[in-house]
């Protein structure tokens, strides 16, 4: 019985932390303003990931977004699972709960949204390069003892109510293994977004990610 508890202890810890993230979040305070074209922002992501077996893994985490001179304007808590039936395909489900700010008549209003997602992602290795989730193309090279690995990606978002594309995200960065089970990423992101009036604005973003796998 004790050996079973030891074997399942990491999974229990993961689920406990995931539950804490969902139940314990609160709306962050901010003094935000309307998005300025060609402004600067910072996005930070923190994740915990647990591999259950060769095919299944689960994860939970938090994402925080900041704008230049305006503070935090978006916070997201997410919990998900991946199932990989073959080396060429990944199926997944994801639940997001986010808090986003919008400015109306100089007043800052926070909105809560819950969003479930399901997805199917091809895993296509080509000459060592790997096409992964969210159109990420990862290079085969790993440099230094930190295993710096370059990648690039481009995502587009479509919405029929706004007549086509409403957002484009271009990423370029490196993945890194800091130590043991601790991984991360550092990237540049250019986000182009269309508002309800059809006006496009761009945001230049420095992004970081930190992930613990166990």
N, C-alpha and C. Protein backbone atom coordinates (compact mmCIF):
# COMPACT_ATOMS: atom_id res chain seq x y z
N UNK A 1 0.82 -1.21 0.00
CA UNK A 1 0.00 0.00 0.00
C UNK A 1 0.86 1.26 0.00
N UNK A 2 1.93 1.25 0.78
CA UNK A 2 2.82 2.41 0.85
C UNK A 2 3.52 2.63 -0.49
N UNK A 3 3.90 1.52 -1.15
CA UNK A 3 4.56 1.65 -2.45
C UNK A 3 3.62 2.25 -3.48
N UNK A 4 2.33 1.89 -3.43
CA UNK A 4 1.35 2.48 -4.33
C UNK A 4 1.21 3.97 -4.10
N UNK A 5 1.24 4.37 -2.82
CA UNK A 5 1.15 5.80 -2.50
C UNK A 5 2.35 6.55 -3.05
N UNK A 6 3.55 5.95 -2.91
CA UNK A 6 4.75 6.60 -3.44
C UNK A 6 4.69 6.74 -4.95
N UNK A 7 4.18 5.70 -5.62
CA UNK A 7 4.10 5.73 -7.07
C UNK A 7 3.11 6.79 -7.56
N UNK A 8 2.01 6.97 -6.84
CA UNK A 8 0.97 7.91 -7.27
C UNK A 8 1.14 9.31 -6.69
N UNK A 9 2.12 9.50 -5.84
CA UNK A 9 2.29 10.78 -5.16
C UNK A 9 2.49 11.95 -6.13
N UNK A 10 3.35 11.82 -7.19
CA UNK A 10 3.49 12.95 -8.13
C UNK A 10 2.19 13.34 -8.81
N UNK A 11 1.36 12.34 -9.18
CA UNK A 11 0.08 12.65 -9.82
C UNK A 11 -0.85 13.38 -8.87
N UNK A 12 -0.88 12.93 -7.61
CA UNK A 12 -1.71 13.59 -6.60
C UNK A 12 -1.26 15.03 -6.41
N UNK A 13 0.05 15.25 -6.35
CA UNK A 13 0.57 16.61 -6.21
C UNK A 13 0.17 17.48 -7.39
N UNK A 14 0.28 16.92 -8.60
CA UNK A 14 -0.08 17.68 -9.79
C UNK A 14 -1.54 18.10 -9.76
N UNK A 15 -2.44 17.17 -9.47
CA UNK A 15 -3.87 17.48 -9.45
C UNK A 15 -4.21 18.48 -8.35
N UNK A 16 -3.52 18.39 -7.22
CA UNK A 16 -3.75 19.34 -6.13
C UNK A 16 -3.36 20.75 -6.55
N UNK A 17 -2.19 20.87 -7.20
CA UNK A 17 -1.74 22.17 -7.66
C UNK A 17 -2.67 22.73 -8.73
N UNK A 18 -3.11 21.86 -9.66
CA UNK A 18 -4.03 22.30 -10.71
C UNK A 18 -5.32 22.83 -10.11
N UNK A 19 -5.86 22.14 -9.12
CA UNK A 19 -7.08 22.58 -8.46
C UNK A 19 -6.87 23.91 -7.76
N UNK A 20 -5.72 24.07 -7.14
CA UNK A 20 -5.40 25.33 -6.47
C UNK A 20 -5.35 26.49 -7.46
N UNK A 21 -4.74 26.23 -8.64
CA UNK A 21 -4.66 27.28 -9.64
C UNK A 21 -6.03 27.73 -10.10
N UNK A 22 -6.95 26.78 -10.29
CA UNK A 22 -8.28 27.12 -10.77
C UNK A 22 -9.09 27.84 -9.71
N UNK A 23 -9.06 27.33 -8.48
CA UNK A 23 -9.92 27.86 -7.44
C UNK A 23 -9.35 29.10 -6.76
N UNK A 24 -8.01 29.25 -6.80
CA UNK A 24 -7.41 30.31 -6.00
C UNK A 24 -7.08 31.58 -6.75
N UNK A 25 -7.41 31.64 -8.04
CA UNK A 25 -7.06 32.82 -8.81
C UNK A 25 -7.98 33.99 -8.48
N UNK A 26 -7.49 35.19 -8.68
CA UNK A 26 -8.30 36.38 -8.47
C UNK A 26 -8.00 37.37 -9.58
N UNK A 27 -8.85 38.35 -9.75
CA UNK A 27 -8.65 39.34 -10.80
C UNK A 27 -7.48 40.25 -10.41
N UNK A 28 -6.46 40.36 -11.26
CA UNK A 28 -5.35 41.24 -10.94
C UNK A 28 -5.76 42.70 -11.14
N UNK A 29 -5.11 43.57 -10.42
CA UNK A 29 -5.39 45.00 -10.60
C UNK A 29 -4.52 45.55 -11.72
N UNK A 30 -5.01 46.57 -12.40
CA UNK A 30 -4.26 47.15 -13.51
C UNK A 30 -4.73 48.57 -13.75
N UNK A 31 -3.86 49.34 -14.36
CA UNK A 31 -4.20 50.67 -14.83
C UNK A 31 -3.91 50.68 -16.32
N UNK A 32 -4.72 49.96 -17.08
CA UNK A 32 -4.45 49.77 -18.50
C UNK A 32 -5.09 50.86 -19.33
N UNK A 33 -4.63 50.95 -20.56
CA UNK A 33 -5.16 51.92 -21.52
C UNK A 33 -5.35 51.21 -22.84
N UNK A 34 -6.04 51.84 -23.80
CA UNK A 34 -6.21 51.20 -25.09
C UNK A 34 -4.87 50.83 -25.72
N UNK A 35 -4.86 49.74 -26.48
CA UNK A 35 -3.63 49.26 -27.10
C UNK A 35 -3.08 50.31 -28.06
N UNK A 36 -1.78 50.58 -27.95
CA UNK A 36 -1.13 51.54 -28.82
C UNK A 36 -0.40 50.80 -29.92
N UNK A 37 -0.54 51.27 -31.16
CA UNK A 37 0.11 50.60 -32.28
C UNK A 37 1.62 50.62 -32.11
N UNK A 38 2.25 49.48 -32.40
CA UNK A 38 3.70 49.28 -32.26
C UNK A 38 4.16 49.45 -30.82
N UNK A 39 3.30 49.13 -29.87
CA UNK A 39 3.69 49.16 -28.47
C UNK A 39 4.52 47.94 -28.11
N UNK A 40 4.88 47.85 -26.81
CA UNK A 40 5.73 46.77 -26.32
C UNK A 40 5.02 46.04 -25.19
N UNK A 41 5.16 44.72 -25.16
CA UNK A 41 4.54 43.94 -24.11
C UNK A 41 5.42 42.79 -23.66
N UNK A 42 5.02 42.18 -22.57
CA UNK A 42 5.72 41.01 -22.02
C UNK A 42 4.69 39.95 -21.70
N UNK A 43 4.93 38.71 -22.16
CA UNK A 43 4.07 37.58 -21.84
C UNK A 43 4.91 36.54 -21.09
N UNK A 44 4.39 36.08 -19.96
CA UNK A 44 5.07 35.07 -19.16
C UNK A 44 4.15 33.87 -18.94
N UNK A 45 4.67 32.66 -19.14
CA UNK A 45 3.90 31.44 -18.96
C UNK A 45 4.61 30.51 -17.99
N UNK A 46 3.83 29.91 -17.08
CA UNK A 46 4.37 28.97 -16.09
C UNK A 46 3.52 27.70 -16.12
N UNK A 47 4.17 26.54 -16.29
CA UNK A 47 3.43 25.29 -16.43
C UNK A 47 4.05 24.17 -15.59
N UNK A 48 3.17 23.27 -15.15
CA UNK A 48 3.57 22.00 -14.55
C UNK A 48 3.04 20.90 -15.45
N UNK A 49 3.90 19.93 -15.77
CA UNK A 49 3.50 18.86 -16.68
C UNK A 49 3.84 17.50 -16.08
N UNK A 50 2.89 16.58 -16.17
CA UNK A 50 3.07 15.23 -15.65
C UNK A 50 2.83 14.22 -16.76
N UNK A 51 3.82 13.38 -17.06
CA UNK A 51 3.67 12.33 -18.05
C UNK A 51 3.17 11.08 -17.35
N UNK A 52 1.97 10.61 -17.72
CA UNK A 52 1.38 9.45 -17.07
C UNK A 52 1.92 8.15 -17.64
N UNK A 53 2.11 8.10 -18.96
CA UNK A 53 2.70 6.94 -19.62
C UNK A 53 3.18 7.41 -21.00
N UNK A 54 3.45 6.48 -21.90
CA UNK A 54 3.98 6.84 -23.21
C UNK A 54 2.97 7.61 -24.06
N UNK A 55 1.70 7.46 -23.77
CA UNK A 55 0.68 8.09 -24.61
C UNK A 55 -0.02 9.28 -23.97
N UNK A 56 -0.08 9.32 -22.64
CA UNK A 56 -0.87 10.35 -21.95
C UNK A 56 0.02 11.28 -21.13
N UNK A 57 -0.33 12.56 -21.15
CA UNK A 57 0.28 13.52 -20.22
C UNK A 57 -0.76 14.57 -19.88
N UNK A 58 -0.60 15.20 -18.72
CA UNK A 58 -1.49 16.26 -18.26
C UNK A 58 -0.65 17.46 -17.83
N UNK A 59 -1.25 18.63 -17.86
CA UNK A 59 -0.52 19.82 -17.44
C UNK A 59 -1.48 20.88 -16.94
N UNK A 60 -0.92 21.83 -16.19
CA UNK A 60 -1.69 22.98 -15.70
C UNK A 60 -0.73 24.16 -15.59
N UNK A 61 -1.27 25.36 -15.73
CA UNK A 61 -0.39 26.51 -15.66
C UNK A 61 -1.11 27.83 -15.68
N UNK A 62 -0.30 28.88 -15.73
CA UNK A 62 -0.80 30.25 -15.68
C UNK A 62 -0.04 31.08 -16.71
N UNK A 63 -0.75 32.00 -17.36
CA UNK A 63 -0.12 32.93 -18.30
C UNK A 63 -0.50 34.35 -17.91
N UNK A 64 0.49 35.23 -17.86
CA UNK A 64 0.29 36.63 -17.51
C UNK A 64 0.81 37.50 -18.65
N UNK A 65 0.04 38.52 -19.01
CA UNK A 65 0.43 39.43 -20.10
C UNK A 65 0.44 40.86 -19.60
N UNK A 66 1.50 41.60 -19.98
CA UNK A 66 1.68 42.99 -19.57
C UNK A 66 1.85 43.86 -20.81
N UNK A 67 1.43 45.13 -20.72
CA UNK A 67 1.65 46.11 -21.77
C UNK A 67 2.48 47.26 -21.23
N UNK A 68 3.21 47.87 -22.13
CA UNK A 68 4.07 49.00 -21.79
C UNK A 68 3.30 50.11 -21.10
N UNK A 69 3.75 50.49 -19.90
CA UNK A 69 3.17 51.58 -19.09
C UNK A 69 1.75 51.31 -18.61
N UNK A 70 1.20 50.13 -18.91
CA UNK A 70 -0.20 49.88 -18.58
C UNK A 70 -0.40 48.72 -17.61
N UNK A 71 0.65 48.02 -17.28
CA UNK A 71 0.53 46.91 -16.34
C UNK A 71 -0.11 45.67 -16.94
N UNK A 72 -0.60 44.83 -16.06
CA UNK A 72 -1.18 43.56 -16.50
C UNK A 72 -2.56 43.78 -17.11
N UNK A 73 -2.80 43.11 -18.25
CA UNK A 73 -4.11 43.25 -18.90
C UNK A 73 -4.75 41.91 -19.22
N UNK A 74 -4.05 40.80 -18.92
CA UNK A 74 -4.62 39.49 -19.23
C UNK A 74 -3.97 38.45 -18.31
N UNK A 75 -4.81 37.59 -17.75
CA UNK A 75 -4.32 36.47 -16.92
C UNK A 75 -5.13 35.24 -17.28
N UNK A 76 -4.43 34.14 -17.45
CA UNK A 76 -5.09 32.91 -17.90
C UNK A 76 -4.64 31.73 -17.05
N UNK A 77 -5.60 30.91 -16.63
CA UNK A 77 -5.31 29.63 -15.99
C UNK A 77 -5.77 28.53 -16.94
N UNK A 78 -4.93 27.53 -17.15
CA UNK A 78 -5.28 26.48 -18.09
C UNK A 78 -4.92 25.10 -17.53
N UNK A 79 -5.73 24.12 -17.88
CA UNK A 79 -5.52 22.72 -17.52
C UNK A 79 -5.80 21.90 -18.77
N UNK A 80 -4.92 20.95 -19.09
CA UNK A 80 -5.11 20.19 -20.32
C UNK A 80 -4.57 18.79 -20.24
N UNK A 81 -4.87 18.03 -21.28
CA UNK A 81 -4.37 16.66 -21.40
C UNK A 81 -4.06 16.37 -22.86
N UNK A 82 -3.03 15.55 -23.09
CA UNK A 82 -2.63 15.12 -24.42
C UNK A 82 -2.70 13.61 -24.52
N UNK A 83 -3.16 13.12 -25.67
CA UNK A 83 -3.13 11.70 -25.96
C UNK A 83 -2.45 11.52 -27.30
N UNK A 84 -1.39 10.71 -27.35
CA UNK A 84 -0.64 10.50 -28.58
C UNK A 84 -0.78 9.04 -29.02
N UNK A 85 -1.73 8.75 -29.93
CA UNK A 85 -1.93 7.38 -30.38
C UNK A 85 -0.82 6.86 -31.28
N UNK A 86 -0.07 7.77 -31.94
CA UNK A 86 1.06 7.39 -32.77
C UNK A 86 2.08 8.52 -32.74
N UNK A 87 3.25 8.27 -33.27
CA UNK A 87 4.29 9.30 -33.24
C UNK A 87 4.01 10.44 -34.20
N UNK A 88 2.98 10.28 -35.05
CA UNK A 88 2.66 11.32 -36.02
C UNK A 88 1.43 12.14 -35.67
N UNK A 89 0.79 11.86 -34.53
CA UNK A 89 -0.47 12.53 -34.23
C UNK A 89 -0.65 12.70 -32.72
N UNK A 90 -1.15 13.88 -32.32
CA UNK A 90 -1.48 14.16 -30.92
C UNK A 90 -2.91 14.69 -30.86
N UNK A 91 -3.70 14.13 -29.95
CA UNK A 91 -5.05 14.62 -29.67
C UNK A 91 -5.04 15.26 -28.29
N UNK A 92 -5.83 16.30 -28.11
CA UNK A 92 -5.79 16.97 -26.82
C UNK A 92 -7.07 17.69 -26.47
N UNK A 93 -7.19 17.99 -25.20
CA UNK A 93 -8.31 18.78 -24.68
C UNK A 93 -7.73 19.80 -23.70
N UNK A 94 -8.30 21.00 -23.70
CA UNK A 94 -7.77 22.10 -22.90
C UNK A 94 -8.93 22.93 -22.36
N UNK A 95 -8.82 23.31 -21.08
CA UNK A 95 -9.80 24.21 -20.47
C UNK A 95 -9.09 25.48 -20.05
N UNK A 96 -9.59 26.63 -20.50
CA UNK A 96 -9.01 27.93 -20.17
C UNK A 96 -9.99 28.74 -19.35
N UNK A 97 -9.48 29.44 -18.37
CA UNK A 97 -10.26 30.45 -17.65
C UNK A 97 -9.42 31.71 -17.63
N UNK A 98 -9.89 32.76 -18.33
CA UNK A 98 -9.06 33.96 -18.43
C UNK A 98 -9.80 35.19 -17.94
N UNK A 99 -9.00 36.16 -17.54
CA UNK A 99 -9.48 37.46 -17.08
C UNK A 99 -8.79 38.51 -17.93
N UNK A 100 -9.56 39.27 -18.70
CA UNK A 100 -8.99 40.24 -19.63
C UNK A 100 -9.60 41.61 -19.38
N UNK A 101 -8.79 42.66 -19.54
CA UNK A 101 -9.27 44.02 -19.32
C UNK A 101 -9.59 44.71 -20.63
N UNK A 102 -10.61 45.55 -20.60
CA UNK A 102 -10.98 46.37 -21.75
C UNK A 102 -11.28 47.78 -21.25
N UNK A 103 -10.90 48.75 -22.05
CA UNK A 103 -11.11 50.15 -21.66
C UNK A 103 -12.33 50.70 -22.36
N UNK A 104 -13.26 51.21 -21.57
CA UNK A 104 -14.46 51.84 -22.11
C UNK A 104 -14.65 53.20 -21.43
N UNK A 105 -14.55 54.26 -22.25
CA UNK A 105 -14.72 55.63 -21.74
C UNK A 105 -13.79 55.89 -20.56
N UNK A 106 -12.53 55.50 -20.73
CA UNK A 106 -11.48 55.71 -19.73
C UNK A 106 -11.65 54.88 -18.46
N UNK A 107 -12.60 53.97 -18.46
CA UNK A 107 -12.78 53.06 -17.32
C UNK A 107 -12.25 51.69 -17.69
N UNK A 108 -11.57 51.07 -16.74
CA UNK A 108 -11.00 49.74 -16.96
C UNK A 108 -11.97 48.69 -16.42
N UNK A 109 -12.40 47.80 -17.31
CA UNK A 109 -13.37 46.77 -16.94
C UNK A 109 -12.74 45.40 -17.18
N UNK A 110 -12.85 44.50 -16.19
CA UNK A 110 -12.32 43.14 -16.30
C UNK A 110 -13.44 42.16 -16.63
N UNK A 111 -13.16 41.28 -17.58
CA UNK A 111 -14.12 40.27 -18.01
C UNK A 111 -13.56 38.88 -17.73
N UNK A 112 -14.43 38.00 -17.25
CA UNK A 112 -14.08 36.59 -17.04
C UNK A 112 -14.65 35.77 -18.19
N UNK A 113 -13.85 34.85 -18.71
CA UNK A 113 -14.31 33.96 -19.77
C UNK A 113 -13.79 32.55 -19.52
N UNK A 114 -14.63 31.56 -19.81
CA UNK A 114 -14.23 30.16 -19.73
C UNK A 114 -14.32 29.58 -21.13
N UNK A 115 -13.30 28.82 -21.51
CA UNK A 115 -13.25 28.33 -22.89
C UNK A 115 -12.69 26.91 -22.94
N UNK A 116 -13.51 25.92 -23.29
CA UNK A 116 -12.98 24.57 -23.52
C UNK A 116 -12.50 24.45 -24.97
N UNK A 117 -11.45 23.67 -25.18
CA UNK A 117 -10.94 23.46 -26.53
C UNK A 117 -10.59 21.98 -26.72
N UNK A 118 -10.74 21.51 -27.96
CA UNK A 118 -10.21 20.22 -28.34
C UNK A 118 -9.40 20.44 -29.62
N UNK A 119 -8.38 19.63 -29.82
CA UNK A 119 -7.52 19.84 -30.98
C UNK A 119 -6.88 18.53 -31.44
N UNK A 120 -6.42 18.55 -32.68
CA UNK A 120 -5.69 17.44 -33.27
C UNK A 120 -4.46 18.02 -33.95
N UNK A 121 -3.28 17.58 -33.56
CA UNK A 121 -2.04 18.17 -34.06
C UNK A 121 -1.17 17.11 -34.73
N UNK A 122 -0.86 17.28 -36.01
CA UNK A 122 0.09 16.37 -36.65
C UNK A 122 1.49 16.56 -36.08
N UNK A 123 2.23 15.49 -35.94
CA UNK A 123 3.63 15.54 -35.54
C UNK A 123 4.44 15.07 -36.73
N UNK A 124 4.98 16.02 -37.49
CA UNK A 124 5.59 15.68 -38.78
C UNK A 124 7.08 16.00 -38.79
N UNK A 125 7.94 15.03 -38.56
CA UNK A 125 9.38 15.28 -38.67
C UNK A 125 9.82 15.29 -40.13
N UNK A 126 10.54 16.35 -40.54
CA UNK A 126 11.06 16.48 -41.90
C UNK A 126 12.52 16.90 -41.82
N UNK A 127 13.41 15.99 -42.21
CA UNK A 127 14.85 16.25 -42.15
C UNK A 127 15.30 16.74 -40.77
N UNK A 128 14.72 16.17 -39.74
CA UNK A 128 15.09 16.54 -38.38
C UNK A 128 14.26 17.65 -37.79
N UNK A 129 13.60 18.46 -38.63
CA UNK A 129 12.70 19.51 -38.15
C UNK A 129 11.37 18.87 -37.76
N UNK A 130 10.71 19.45 -36.74
CA UNK A 130 9.47 18.86 -36.25
C UNK A 130 8.37 19.91 -36.23
N UNK A 131 7.25 19.61 -36.91
CA UNK A 131 6.07 20.47 -36.86
C UNK A 131 5.23 20.02 -35.69
N UNK A 132 5.00 20.94 -34.72
CA UNK A 132 4.33 20.59 -33.48
C UNK A 132 3.07 21.43 -33.29
N UNK A 133 2.56 21.38 -32.07
CA UNK A 133 1.34 22.10 -31.72
C UNK A 133 1.48 23.60 -31.99
N UNK A 134 0.37 24.23 -32.43
CA UNK A 134 0.30 25.66 -32.71
C UNK A 134 1.24 26.07 -33.83
N UNK A 135 1.44 25.17 -34.81
CA UNK A 135 2.26 25.44 -35.99
C UNK A 135 3.71 25.76 -35.65
N UNK A 136 4.19 25.22 -34.56
CA UNK A 136 5.59 25.46 -34.16
C UNK A 136 6.50 24.55 -34.98
N UNK A 137 7.49 25.14 -35.64
CA UNK A 137 8.50 24.38 -36.37
C UNK A 137 9.79 24.43 -35.58
N UNK A 138 10.17 23.29 -35.00
CA UNK A 138 11.35 23.21 -34.14
C UNK A 138 12.53 22.63 -34.90
N UNK A 139 13.68 23.29 -34.80
CA UNK A 139 14.89 22.83 -35.49
C UNK A 139 15.51 21.65 -34.75
N UNK A 140 16.31 20.84 -35.43
CA UNK A 140 16.91 19.66 -34.80
C UNK A 140 18.15 19.96 -33.96
N UNK A 141 18.67 21.19 -34.02
CA UNK A 141 19.93 21.49 -33.35
C UNK A 141 19.71 21.82 -31.89
N UNK A 142 20.68 21.40 -31.06
CA UNK A 142 20.69 21.75 -29.64
C UNK A 142 22.10 22.21 -29.29
N UNK A 143 22.18 23.45 -28.80
CA UNK A 143 23.47 24.08 -28.56
C UNK A 143 23.75 24.22 -27.06
N UNK A 144 24.98 24.03 -26.69
CA UNK A 144 25.52 24.16 -25.34
C UNK A 144 24.86 23.14 -24.39
N UNK A 145 25.30 23.15 -23.15
CA UNK A 145 24.76 22.21 -22.17
C UNK A 145 23.31 22.53 -21.80
N UNK A 146 22.85 23.74 -22.14
CA UNK A 146 21.46 24.12 -21.89
C UNK A 146 20.52 23.69 -23.02
N UNK A 147 21.07 23.08 -24.06
CA UNK A 147 20.28 22.54 -25.17
C UNK A 147 19.40 23.60 -25.82
N UNK A 148 19.98 24.77 -26.11
CA UNK A 148 19.23 25.81 -26.82
C UNK A 148 18.80 25.28 -28.18
N UNK A 149 17.49 25.34 -28.43
CA UNK A 149 16.91 24.77 -29.65
C UNK A 149 16.01 25.80 -30.31
N UNK A 150 16.38 26.33 -31.48
CA UNK A 150 15.58 27.38 -32.12
C UNK A 150 14.26 26.85 -32.67
N UNK A 151 13.27 27.75 -32.70
CA UNK A 151 11.98 27.41 -33.29
C UNK A 151 11.32 28.66 -33.84
N UNK A 152 10.34 28.46 -34.70
CA UNK A 152 9.55 29.56 -35.23
C UNK A 152 8.11 29.07 -35.41
N UNK A 153 7.18 30.00 -35.47
CA UNK A 153 5.77 29.62 -35.60
C UNK A 153 4.97 30.80 -36.12
N UNK A 154 3.83 30.49 -36.73
CA UNK A 154 2.89 31.53 -37.13
C UNK A 154 1.47 31.00 -36.92
N UNK A 155 0.68 31.78 -36.18
CA UNK A 155 -0.71 31.42 -35.93
C UNK A 155 -1.62 32.50 -36.49
N UNK A 156 -2.74 32.08 -37.08
CA UNK A 156 -3.76 33.03 -37.50
C UNK A 156 -5.07 32.65 -36.83
N UNK A 157 -5.88 33.65 -36.54
CA UNK A 157 -7.17 33.45 -35.88
C UNK A 157 -8.26 34.01 -36.78
N UNK A 158 -9.26 33.17 -37.05
CA UNK A 158 -10.36 33.54 -37.94
C UNK A 158 -11.67 33.61 -37.17
N UNK A 159 -12.51 34.56 -37.53
CA UNK A 159 -13.81 34.69 -36.90
C UNK A 159 -14.81 35.16 -37.94
N UNK A 160 -15.83 34.36 -38.21
CA UNK A 160 -16.78 34.68 -39.27
C UNK A 160 -17.55 35.97 -38.98
N UNK A 161 -17.77 36.30 -37.71
CA UNK A 161 -18.52 37.50 -37.37
C UNK A 161 -17.77 38.78 -37.73
N UNK A 162 -16.45 38.68 -37.87
CA UNK A 162 -15.66 39.85 -38.23
C UNK A 162 -15.08 39.74 -39.64
N UNK A 163 -15.67 38.88 -40.43
CA UNK A 163 -15.29 38.77 -41.84
C UNK A 163 -13.83 38.38 -42.05
N UNK A 164 -13.45 37.28 -41.46
CA UNK A 164 -12.13 36.73 -41.76
C UNK A 164 -11.14 36.80 -40.63
N UNK A 165 -9.90 37.06 -41.00
CA UNK A 165 -8.81 37.01 -40.02
C UNK A 165 -8.88 38.19 -39.06
N UNK A 166 -8.78 37.90 -37.76
CA UNK A 166 -8.81 38.96 -36.76
C UNK A 166 -7.49 39.08 -36.00
N UNK A 167 -6.60 38.10 -36.17
CA UNK A 167 -5.34 38.16 -35.43
C UNK A 167 -4.29 37.29 -36.10
N UNK A 168 -3.04 37.77 -36.07
CA UNK A 168 -1.90 37.01 -36.58
C UNK A 168 -0.77 37.10 -35.55
N UNK A 169 -0.16 35.95 -35.25
CA UNK A 169 0.96 35.92 -34.30
C UNK A 169 2.16 35.24 -34.95
N UNK A 170 3.27 35.95 -35.02
CA UNK A 170 4.52 35.38 -35.52
C UNK A 170 5.50 35.24 -34.37
N UNK A 171 6.03 34.03 -34.16
CA UNK A 171 6.96 33.75 -33.08
C UNK A 171 8.34 33.40 -33.65
N UNK A 172 9.36 33.74 -32.89
CA UNK A 172 10.71 33.26 -33.17
C UNK A 172 11.46 33.24 -31.85
N UNK A 173 12.03 32.07 -31.51
CA UNK A 173 12.70 31.99 -30.21
C UNK A 173 13.51 30.73 -30.05
N UNK A 174 13.86 30.43 -28.81
CA UNK A 174 14.64 29.23 -28.50
C UNK A 174 14.03 28.54 -27.30
N UNK A 175 14.05 27.21 -27.35
CA UNK A 175 13.71 26.40 -26.19
C UNK A 175 15.00 26.13 -25.44
N UNK A 176 14.88 25.88 -24.14
CA UNK A 176 16.07 25.67 -23.32
C UNK A 176 15.76 24.69 -22.19
N UNK A 177 16.74 23.91 -21.83
CA UNK A 177 16.62 23.04 -20.67
C UNK A 177 17.56 23.58 -19.59
N UNK A 178 16.98 24.22 -18.58
CA UNK A 178 17.79 24.88 -17.57
C UNK A 178 18.50 23.89 -16.65
N UNK A 179 17.71 22.92 -16.17
CA UNK A 179 18.30 21.94 -15.25
C UNK A 179 17.31 20.81 -15.02
N UNK A 180 17.77 19.56 -15.17
CA UNK A 180 16.93 18.41 -14.87
C UNK A 180 15.55 18.50 -15.51
N UNK A 181 14.50 18.57 -14.68
CA UNK A 181 13.13 18.61 -15.22
C UNK A 181 12.63 20.02 -15.53
N UNK A 182 13.49 21.04 -15.43
CA UNK A 182 13.08 22.43 -15.62
C UNK A 182 13.43 22.89 -17.03
N UNK A 183 12.40 23.21 -17.80
CA UNK A 183 12.56 23.67 -19.18
C UNK A 183 12.03 25.10 -19.30
N UNK A 184 12.38 25.74 -20.41
CA UNK A 184 11.90 27.09 -20.62
C UNK A 184 11.96 27.48 -22.08
N UNK A 185 11.56 28.71 -22.35
CA UNK A 185 11.66 29.26 -23.70
C UNK A 185 11.77 30.78 -23.59
N UNK A 186 12.45 31.35 -24.58
CA UNK A 186 12.58 32.80 -24.71
C UNK A 186 12.27 33.12 -26.17
N UNK A 187 11.35 34.07 -26.40
CA UNK A 187 10.94 34.31 -27.79
C UNK A 187 10.53 35.75 -28.02
N UNK A 188 10.55 36.11 -29.31
CA UNK A 188 9.98 37.38 -29.77
C UNK A 188 8.67 37.05 -30.46
N UNK A 189 7.65 37.83 -30.19
CA UNK A 189 6.33 37.64 -30.80
C UNK A 189 5.84 38.98 -31.34
N UNK A 190 5.42 38.96 -32.59
CA UNK A 190 4.75 40.14 -33.16
C UNK A 190 3.29 39.78 -33.33
N UNK A 191 2.44 40.47 -32.57
CA UNK A 191 1.01 40.21 -32.58
C UNK A 191 0.30 41.34 -33.33
N UNK A 192 -0.39 40.99 -34.41
CA UNK A 192 -1.21 41.95 -35.16
C UNK A 192 -2.68 41.59 -34.92
N UNK A 193 -3.47 42.58 -34.51
CA UNK A 193 -4.84 42.29 -34.10
C UNK A 193 -5.79 43.34 -34.65
N UNK A 194 -6.99 42.88 -35.06
CA UNK A 194 -8.01 43.78 -35.61
C UNK A 194 -9.11 44.00 -34.58
N UNK A 195 -9.48 45.27 -34.35
CA UNK A 195 -10.54 45.56 -33.39
C UNK A 195 -11.90 45.51 -34.06
N UNK A 196 -12.94 45.80 -33.29
CA UNK A 196 -14.31 45.69 -33.80
C UNK A 196 -14.59 46.69 -34.91
N UNK A 197 -13.78 47.75 -34.99
CA UNK A 197 -13.97 48.75 -36.05
C UNK A 197 -13.17 48.42 -37.30
N UNK A 198 -12.42 47.32 -37.28
CA UNK A 198 -11.63 46.91 -38.43
C UNK A 198 -10.23 47.49 -38.49
N UNK A 199 -9.78 48.16 -37.40
CA UNK A 199 -8.45 48.76 -37.37
C UNK A 199 -7.43 47.76 -36.84
N UNK A 200 -6.28 47.67 -37.54
CA UNK A 200 -5.22 46.76 -37.13
C UNK A 200 -4.19 47.50 -36.28
N UNK A 201 -3.76 46.87 -35.20
CA UNK A 201 -2.67 47.38 -34.38
C UNK A 201 -1.69 46.24 -34.13
N UNK A 202 -0.42 46.59 -33.92
CA UNK A 202 0.62 45.59 -33.71
C UNK A 202 1.27 45.79 -32.36
N UNK A 203 1.65 44.69 -31.74
CA UNK A 203 2.32 44.72 -30.45
C UNK A 203 3.57 43.86 -30.55
N UNK A 204 4.71 44.41 -30.13
CA UNK A 204 5.98 43.68 -30.11
C UNK A 204 6.18 43.12 -28.71
N UNK A 205 6.34 41.82 -28.62
CA UNK A 205 6.29 41.15 -27.33
C UNK A 205 7.56 40.35 -27.05
N UNK A 206 8.07 40.49 -25.85
CA UNK A 206 9.13 39.62 -25.34
C UNK A 206 8.45 38.56 -24.49
N UNK A 207 8.64 37.31 -24.85
CA UNK A 207 7.96 36.23 -24.14
C UNK A 207 8.93 35.29 -23.44
N UNK A 208 8.50 34.76 -22.30
CA UNK A 208 9.29 33.76 -21.59
C UNK A 208 8.35 32.64 -21.15
N UNK A 209 8.88 31.45 -21.06
CA UNK A 209 8.12 30.31 -20.57
C UNK A 209 8.97 29.51 -19.59
N UNK A 210 8.33 28.94 -18.60
CA UNK A 210 9.01 28.11 -17.62
C UNK A 210 8.12 26.90 -17.34
N UNK A 211 8.71 25.69 -17.46
CA UNK A 211 7.92 24.48 -17.31
C UNK A 211 8.69 23.44 -16.50
N UNK A 212 8.00 22.83 -15.53
CA UNK A 212 8.57 21.74 -14.74
C UNK A 212 7.89 20.45 -15.17
N UNK A 213 8.66 19.45 -15.59
CA UNK A 213 8.12 18.17 -16.03
C UNK A 213 8.52 17.08 -15.03
N UNK A 214 7.55 16.26 -14.65
CA UNK A 214 7.86 15.17 -13.72
C UNK A 214 6.94 13.99 -13.96
